[in-house]
PDB file of N, CA and C in Angstrom:
ATOM      1  N   MET A   1       0.824  -1.185   0.000  1.00  0.00           N
ATOM      2  CA  MET A   1       0.000   0.000   0.000  1.00  0.00           C
ATOM      3  C   MET A   1       0.863   1.240   0.000  1.00  0.00           C
ATOM      4  N   ALA A   2       0.318   2.306  -0.520  1.00  0.00           N
ATOM      5  CA  ALA A   2       1.040   3.571  -0.589  1.00  0.00           C
ATOM      6  C   ALA A   2       1.011   4.280   0.761  1.00  0.00           C
ATOM      7  N   GLU A   3       2.050   5.048   0.995  1.00  0.00           N
ATOM      8  CA  GLU A   3       2.123   5.807   2.239  1.00  0.00           C
ATOM      9  C   GLU A   3       1.303   7.087   2.093  1.00  0.00           C
ATOM     10  N   ILE A   4       0.527   7.395   3.100  1.00  0.00           N
ATOM     11  CA  ILE A   4      -0.299   8.606   3.080  1.00  0.00           C
ATOM     12  C   ILE A   4       0.575   9.789   3.491  1.00  0.00           C
ATOM     13  N   VAL A   5       0.529  10.836   2.667  1.00  0.00           N
ATOM     14  CA  VAL A   5       1.377  12.007   2.907  1.00  0.00           C
ATOM     15  C   VAL A   5       0.491  13.226   3.109  1.00  0.00           C
ATOM     16  N   ASN A   6       0.743  13.939   4.189  1.00  0.00           N
ATOM     17  CA  ASN A   6       0.045  15.186   4.440  1.00  0.00           C
ATOM     18  C   ASN A   6       0.764  16.260   3.623  1.00  0.00           C
ATOM     19  N   LEU A   7       0.113  16.772   2.593  1.00  0.00           N
ATOM     20  CA  LEU A   7       0.748  17.704   1.673  1.00  0.00           C
ATOM     21  C   LEU A   7       1.142  19.010   2.357  1.00  0.00           C
ATOM     22  N   ARG A   8       0.368  19.464   3.310  1.00  0.00           N
ATOM     23  CA  ARG A   8       0.690  20.703   4.020  1.00  0.00           C
ATOM     24  C   ARG A   8       2.013  20.544   4.766  1.00  0.00           C
ATOM     25  N   LEU A   9       2.173  19.415   5.461  1.00  0.00           N
ATOM     26  CA  LEU A   9       3.411  19.180   6.196  1.00  0.00           C
ATOM     27  C   LEU A   9       4.596  18.972   5.252  1.00  0.00           C
ATOM     28  N   ALA A  10       4.361  18.299   4.149  1.00  0.00           N
ATOM     29  CA  ALA A  10       5.426  18.085   3.174  1.00  0.00           C
ATOM     30  C   ALA A  10       5.881  19.418   2.589  1.00  0.00           C
ATOM     31  N   ARG A  11       4.940  20.307   2.296  1.00  0.00           N
ATOM     32  CA  ARG A  11       5.271  21.630   1.758  1.00  0.00           C
ATOM     33  C   ARG A  11       6.082  22.428   2.773  1.00  0.00           C
ATOM     34  N   LYS A  12       5.658  22.385   4.036  1.00  0.00           N
ATOM     35  CA  LYS A  12       6.371  23.122   5.078  1.00  0.00           C
ATOM     36  C   LYS A  12       7.788  22.568   5.267  1.00  0.00           C
ATOM     37  N   ARG A  13       7.944  21.251   5.211  1.00  0.00           N
ATOM     38  CA  ARG A  13       9.283  20.660   5.328  1.00  0.00           C
ATOM     39  C   ARG A  13      10.174  21.109   4.191  1.00  0.00           C
ATOM     40  N   ALA A  14       9.615  21.139   2.973  1.00  0.00           N
ATOM     41  CA  ALA A  14      10.390  21.561   1.807  1.00  0.00           C
ATOM     42  C   ALA A  14      10.791  23.029   1.931  1.00  0.00           C
ATOM     43  N   GLU A  15       9.879  23.879   2.373  1.00  0.00           N
ATOM     44  CA  GLU A  15      10.191  25.295   2.553  1.00  0.00           C
ATOM     45  C   GLU A  15      11.256  25.489   3.624  1.00  0.00           C
ATOM     46  N   ARG A  16      11.146  24.735   4.721  1.00  0.00           N
ATOM     47  CA  ARG A  16      12.133  24.820   5.796  1.00  0.00           C
ATOM     48  C   ARG A  16      13.516  24.419   5.289  1.00  0.00           C
ATOM     49  N   ALA A  17      13.569  23.356   4.497  1.00  0.00           N
ATOM     50  CA  ALA A  17      14.847  22.892   3.948  1.00  0.00           C
ATOM     51  C   ALA A  17      15.434  23.937   2.996  1.00  0.00           C
ATOM     52  N   ALA A  18      14.581  24.561   2.178  1.00  0.00           N
ATOM     53  CA  ALA A  18      15.054  25.588   1.253  1.00  0.00           C
ATOM     54  C   ALA A  18      15.596  26.796   2.017  1.00  0.00           C
ATOM     55  N   ARG A  19      14.893  27.204   3.084  1.00  0.00           N
ATOM     56  CA  ARG A  19      15.363  28.337   3.889  1.00  0.00           C
ATOM     57  C   ARG A  19      16.702  28.017   4.547  1.00  0.00           C
ATOM     58  N   GLU A  20      16.846  26.797   5.053  1.00  0.00           N
ATOM     59  CA  GLU A  20      18.092  26.395   5.693  1.00  0.00           C
ATOM     60  C   GLU A  20      19.245  26.382   4.688  1.00  0.00           C
ATOM     61  N   LYS A  21      18.968  25.913   3.473  1.00  0.00           N
ATOM     62  CA  LYS A  21      20.005  25.899   2.432  1.00  0.00           C
ATOM     63  C   LYS A  21      20.435  27.319   2.102  1.00  0.00           C
ATOM     64  N   ARG A  22      19.466  28.228   1.932  1.00  0.00           N
ATOM     65  CA  ARG A  22      19.769  29.627   1.628  1.00  0.00           C
ATOM     66  C   ARG A  22      20.559  30.261   2.771  1.00  0.00           C
ATOM     67  N   ALA A  23      20.184  29.964   4.007  1.00  0.00           N
ATOM     68  CA  ALA A  23      20.891  30.502   5.168  1.00  0.00           C
ATOM     69  C   ALA A  23      22.330  29.989   5.207  1.00  0.00           C
ATOM     70  N   SER A  24      22.508  28.732   4.885  1.00  0.00           N
ATOM     71  CA  SER A  24      23.843  28.152   4.869  1.00  0.00           C
ATOM     72  C   SER A  24      24.715  28.835   3.814  1.00  0.00           C
ATOM     73  N   GLU A  25      24.149  29.077   2.634  1.00  0.00           N
ATOM     74  CA  GLU A  25      24.892  29.762   1.577  1.00  0.00           C
ATOM     75  C   GLU A  25      25.259  31.182   2.006  1.00  0.00           C
ATOM     76  N   ASN A  26      24.316  31.874   2.654  1.00  0.00           N
ATOM     77  CA  ASN A  26      24.594  33.237   3.116  1.00  0.00           C
ATOM     78  C   ASN A  26      25.667  33.243   4.206  1.00  0.00           C
ATOM     79  N   ARG A  27      25.643  32.269   5.090  1.00  0.00           N
ATOM     80  CA  ARG A  27      26.678  32.191   6.125  1.00  0.00           C
ATOM     81  C   ARG A  27      28.044  31.995   5.487  1.00  0.00           C
ATOM     82  N   ALA A  28      28.102  31.161   4.466  1.00  0.00           N
ATOM     83  CA  ALA A  28      29.374  30.917   3.796  1.00  0.00           C
ATOM     84  C   ALA A  28      29.836  32.164   3.039  1.00  0.00           C
ATOM     85  N   ARG A  29      28.897  32.879   2.434  1.00  0.00           N
ATOM     86  CA  ARG A  29      29.244  34.042   1.627  1.00  0.00           C
ATOM     87  C   ARG A  29      29.624  35.241   2.496  1.00  0.00           C
ATOM     88  N   HIS A  30      28.843  35.507   3.522  1.00  0.00           N
ATOM     89  CA  HIS A  30      29.031  36.723   4.302  1.00  0.00           C
ATOM     90  C   HIS A  30      29.766  36.497   5.617  1.00  0.00           C
ATOM     91  N   GLY A  31      29.890  35.297   6.023  1.00  0.00           N
ATOM     92  CA  GLY A  31      30.519  35.013   7.312  1.00  0.00           C
ATOM     93  C   GLY A  31      32.005  34.773   7.173  1.00  0.00           C
ATOM     94  N   ARG A  32      32.705  35.689   6.529  1.00  0.00           N
ATOM     95  CA  ARG A  32      34.140  35.525   6.329  1.00  0.00           C
ATOM     96  C   ARG A  32      34.901  36.453   7.271  1.00  0.00           C
ATOM     97  N   THR A  33      36.156  36.117   7.522  1.00  0.00           N
ATOM     98  CA  THR A  33      36.977  36.954   8.376  1.00  0.00           C
ATOM     99  C   THR A  33      37.438  38.181   7.603  1.00  0.00           C
ATOM    100  N   LYS A  34      37.918  39.165   8.327  1.00  0.00           N
ATOM    101  CA  LYS A  34      38.400  40.394   7.710  1.00  0.00           C
ATOM    102  C   LYS A  34      39.559  40.092   6.760  1.00  0.00           C
ATOM    103  N   THR A  35      40.441  39.195   7.159  1.00  0.00           N
ATOM    104  CA  THR A  35      41.581  38.828   6.327  1.00  0.00           C
ATOM    105  C   THR A  35      41.132  38.194   5.022  1.00  0.00           C
ATOM    106  N   GLU A  36      40.129  37.323   5.083  1.00  0.00           N
ATOM    107  CA  GLU A  36      39.614  36.686   3.862  1.00  0.00           C
ATOM    108  C   GLU A  36      39.014  37.725   2.925  1.00  0.00           C
ATOM    109  N   LYS A  37      38.275  38.684   3.479  1.00  0.00           N
ATOM    110  CA  LYS A  37      37.685  39.741   2.655  1.00  0.00           C
ATOM    111  C   LYS A  37      38.770  40.590   2.005  1.00  0.00           C
ATOM    112  N   GLN A  38      39.809  40.940   2.763  1.00  0.00           N
ATOM    113  CA  GLN A  38      40.895  41.752   2.220  1.00  0.00           C
ATOM    114  C   GLN A  38      41.657  41.003   1.137  1.00  0.00           C
ATOM    115  N   THR A  39      41.877  39.718   1.349  1.00  0.00           N
ATOM    116  CA  THR A  39      42.578  38.903   0.354  1.00  0.00           C
ATOM    117  C   THR A  39      41.784  38.832  -0.941  1.00  0.00           C
ATOM    118  N   GLU A  40      40.470  38.625  -0.835  1.00  0.00           N
ATOM    119  CA  GLU A  40      39.632  38.569  -2.026  1.00  0.00           C
ATOM    120  C   GLU A  40      39.624  39.915  -2.752  1.00  0.00           C
ATOM    121  N   ALA A  41      39.554  41.016  -1.994  1.00  0.00           N
ATOM    122  CA  ALA A  41      39.551  42.350  -2.601  1.00  0.00           C
ATOM    123  C   ALA A  41      40.879  42.601  -3.318  1.00  0.00           C
ATOM    124  N   ARG A  42      41.982  42.205  -2.704  1.00  0.00           N
ATOM    125  CA  ARG A  42      43.297  42.387  -3.325  1.00  0.00           C
ATOM    126  C   ARG A  42      43.404  41.573  -4.612  1.00  0.00           C
ATOM    127  N   THR A  43      42.928  40.349  -4.576  1.00  0.00           N
ATOM    128  CA  THR A  43      42.955  39.490  -5.763  1.00  0.00           C
ATOM    129  C   THR A  43      42.109  40.096  -6.886  1.00  0.00           C
ATOM    130  N   GLU A  44      40.941  40.611  -6.524  1.00  0.00           N
ATOM    131  CA  GLU A  44      40.065  41.227  -7.517  1.00  0.00           C
ATOM    132  C   GLU A  44      40.707  42.473  -8.123  1.00  0.00           C
ATOM    133  N   ARG A  45      41.348  43.311  -7.286  1.00  0.00           N
ATOM    134  CA  ARG A  45      42.031  44.513  -7.797  1.00  0.00           C
ATOM    135  C   ARG A  45      43.153  44.139  -8.751  1.00  0.00           C
ATOM    136  N   THR A  46      43.919  43.111  -8.406  1.00  0.00           N
ATOM    137  CA  THR A  46      45.021  42.662  -9.259  1.00  0.00           C
ATOM    138  C   THR A  46      44.501  42.167 -10.602  1.00  0.00           C
ATOM    139  N   ALA A  47      43.435  41.376 -10.574  1.00  0.00           N
ATOM    140  CA  ALA A  47      42.859  40.853 -11.818  1.00  0.00           C
ATOM    141  C   ALA A  47      42.301  41.987 -12.668  1.00  0.00           C
ATOM    142  N   ARG A  48      41.631  42.953 -12.032  1.00  0.00           N
ATOM    143  CA  ARG A  48      41.068  44.090 -12.771  1.00  0.00           C
ATOM    144  C   ARG A  48      42.181  44.928 -13.398  1.00  0.00           C
ATOM    145  N   ALA A  49      43.288  45.137 -12.668  1.00  0.00           N
ATOM    146  CA  ALA A  49      44.409  45.908 -13.192  1.00  0.00           C
ATOM    147  C   ALA A  49      45.039  45.190 -14.385  1.00  0.00           C
ATOM    148  N   ALA A  50      45.165  43.869 -14.303  1.00  0.00           N
ATOM    149  CA  ALA A  50      45.729  43.106 -15.414  1.00  0.00           C
ATOM    150  C   ALA A  50      44.823  43.197 -16.641  1.00  0.00           C
ATOM    151  N   LEU A  51      43.520  43.138 -16.427  1.00  0.00           N
ATOM    152  CA  LEU A  51      42.581  43.229 -17.536  1.00  0.00           C
ATOM    153  C   LEU A  51      42.621  44.622 -18.159  1.00  0.00           C
ATOM    154  N   ASP A  52      42.648  45.651 -17.318  1.00  0.00           N
ATOM    155  CA  ASP A  52      42.708  47.024 -17.832  1.00  0.00           C
ATOM    156  C   ASP A  52      44.024  47.292 -18.551  1.00  0.00           C
ATOM    157  N   GLY A  53      45.075  46.627 -18.156  1.00  0.00           N
ATOM    158  CA  GLY A  53      46.366  46.795 -18.806  1.00  0.00           C
ATOM    159  C   GLY A  53      46.374  46.277 -20.232  1.00  0.00           C
ATOM    160  N   HIS A  54      45.496  45.343 -20.546  1.00  0.00           N
ATOM    161  CA  HIS A  54      45.426  44.768 -21.882  1.00  0.00           C
ATOM    162  C   HIS A  54      44.358  45.421 -22.749  1.00  0.00           C
ATOM    163  N   ARG A  55      43.705  46.428 -22.215  1.00  0.00           N
ATOM    164  CA  ARG A  55      42.605  47.077 -22.925  1.00  0.00           C
ATOM    165  C   ARG A  55      43.150  47.952 -24.055  1.00  0.00           C
ATOM    166  N   ARG A  56      42.462  47.926 -25.173  1.00  0.00           N
ATOM    167  CA  ARG A  56      42.801  48.804 -26.283  1.00  0.00           C
ATOM    168  C   ARG A  56      42.000  50.079 -26.139  1.00  0.00           C
ATOM    169  N   ASP A  57      42.650  51.196 -26.352  1.00  0.00           N
ATOM    170  CA  ASP A  57      41.970  52.484 -26.269  1.00  0.00           C
ATOM    171  C   ASP A  57      41.295  52.796 -27.591  1.00  0.00           C
ATOM    172  N   LYS A  58      40.130  53.461 -27.496  1.00  0.00           N
ATOM    173  CA  LYS A  58      39.454  53.894 -28.710  1.00  0.00           C
ATOM    174  C   LYS A  58      40.157  55.136 -29.237  1.00  0.00           C
ATOM    175  N   PRO A  59      40.305  55.268 -30.551  1.00  0.00           N
ATOM    176  CA  PRO A  59      40.921  56.480 -31.110  1.00  0.00           C
ATOM    177  C   PRO A  59      40.063  57.709 -30.788  1.00  0.00           C
ATOM    178  N   GLN A  60      40.701  58.839 -30.614  1.00  0.00           N
ATOM    179  CA  GLN A  60      39.987  60.071 -30.319  1.00  0.00           C
ATOM    180  C   GLN A  60      39.132  60.467 -31.510  1.00  0.00           C
ATOM    181  N   GLY A  61      37.923  60.947 -31.251  1.00  0.00           N
ATOM    182  CA  GLY A  61      37.032  61.428 -32.295  1.00  0.00           C
ATOM    183  C   GLY A  61      36.266  60.326 -33.011  1.00  0.00           C
ATOM    184  N   ASP A  62      36.406  59.101 -32.613  1.00  0.00           N
ATOM    185  CA  ASP A  62      35.683  57.992 -33.234  1.00  0.00           C
ATOM    186  C   ASP A  62      34.360  57.826 -32.517  1.00  0.00           C
ATOM    187  N   ASP A  63      33.237  58.148 -33.185  1.00  0.00           N
ATOM    188  CA  ASP A  63      31.927  58.092 -32.552  1.00  0.00           C
ATOM    189  C   ASP A  63      31.281  56.717 -32.649  1.00  0.00           C
ATOM    190  N   ARG A  64      31.851  55.846 -33.441  1.00  0.00           N
ATOM    191  CA  ARG A  64      31.250  54.528 -33.621  1.00  0.00           C
ATOM    192  C   ARG A  64      31.408  53.699 -32.365  1.00  0.00           C
ATOM    193  N   PRO A  65      30.403  52.871 -32.049  1.00  0.00           N
ATOM    194  CA  PRO A  65      30.497  52.024 -30.840  1.00  0.00           C
ATOM    195  C   PRO A  65      31.489  50.900 -30.979  1.00  0.00           C
TER     196      PRO A  65
END
């Protein structure tokens, strides 16, 4: 025989699990130490500087996109 499932309780369990997963992701994303944040910012600045260093400049007076 099939198991009887209370849909209201099943929905609430699923929502609770989704909220817990989202909370876990937020803790991992925002719950970092100051040193980790500074290291990531430094890495991002270095990568951005390297990318900007390879950028080609548009000629002056060129209106085309």
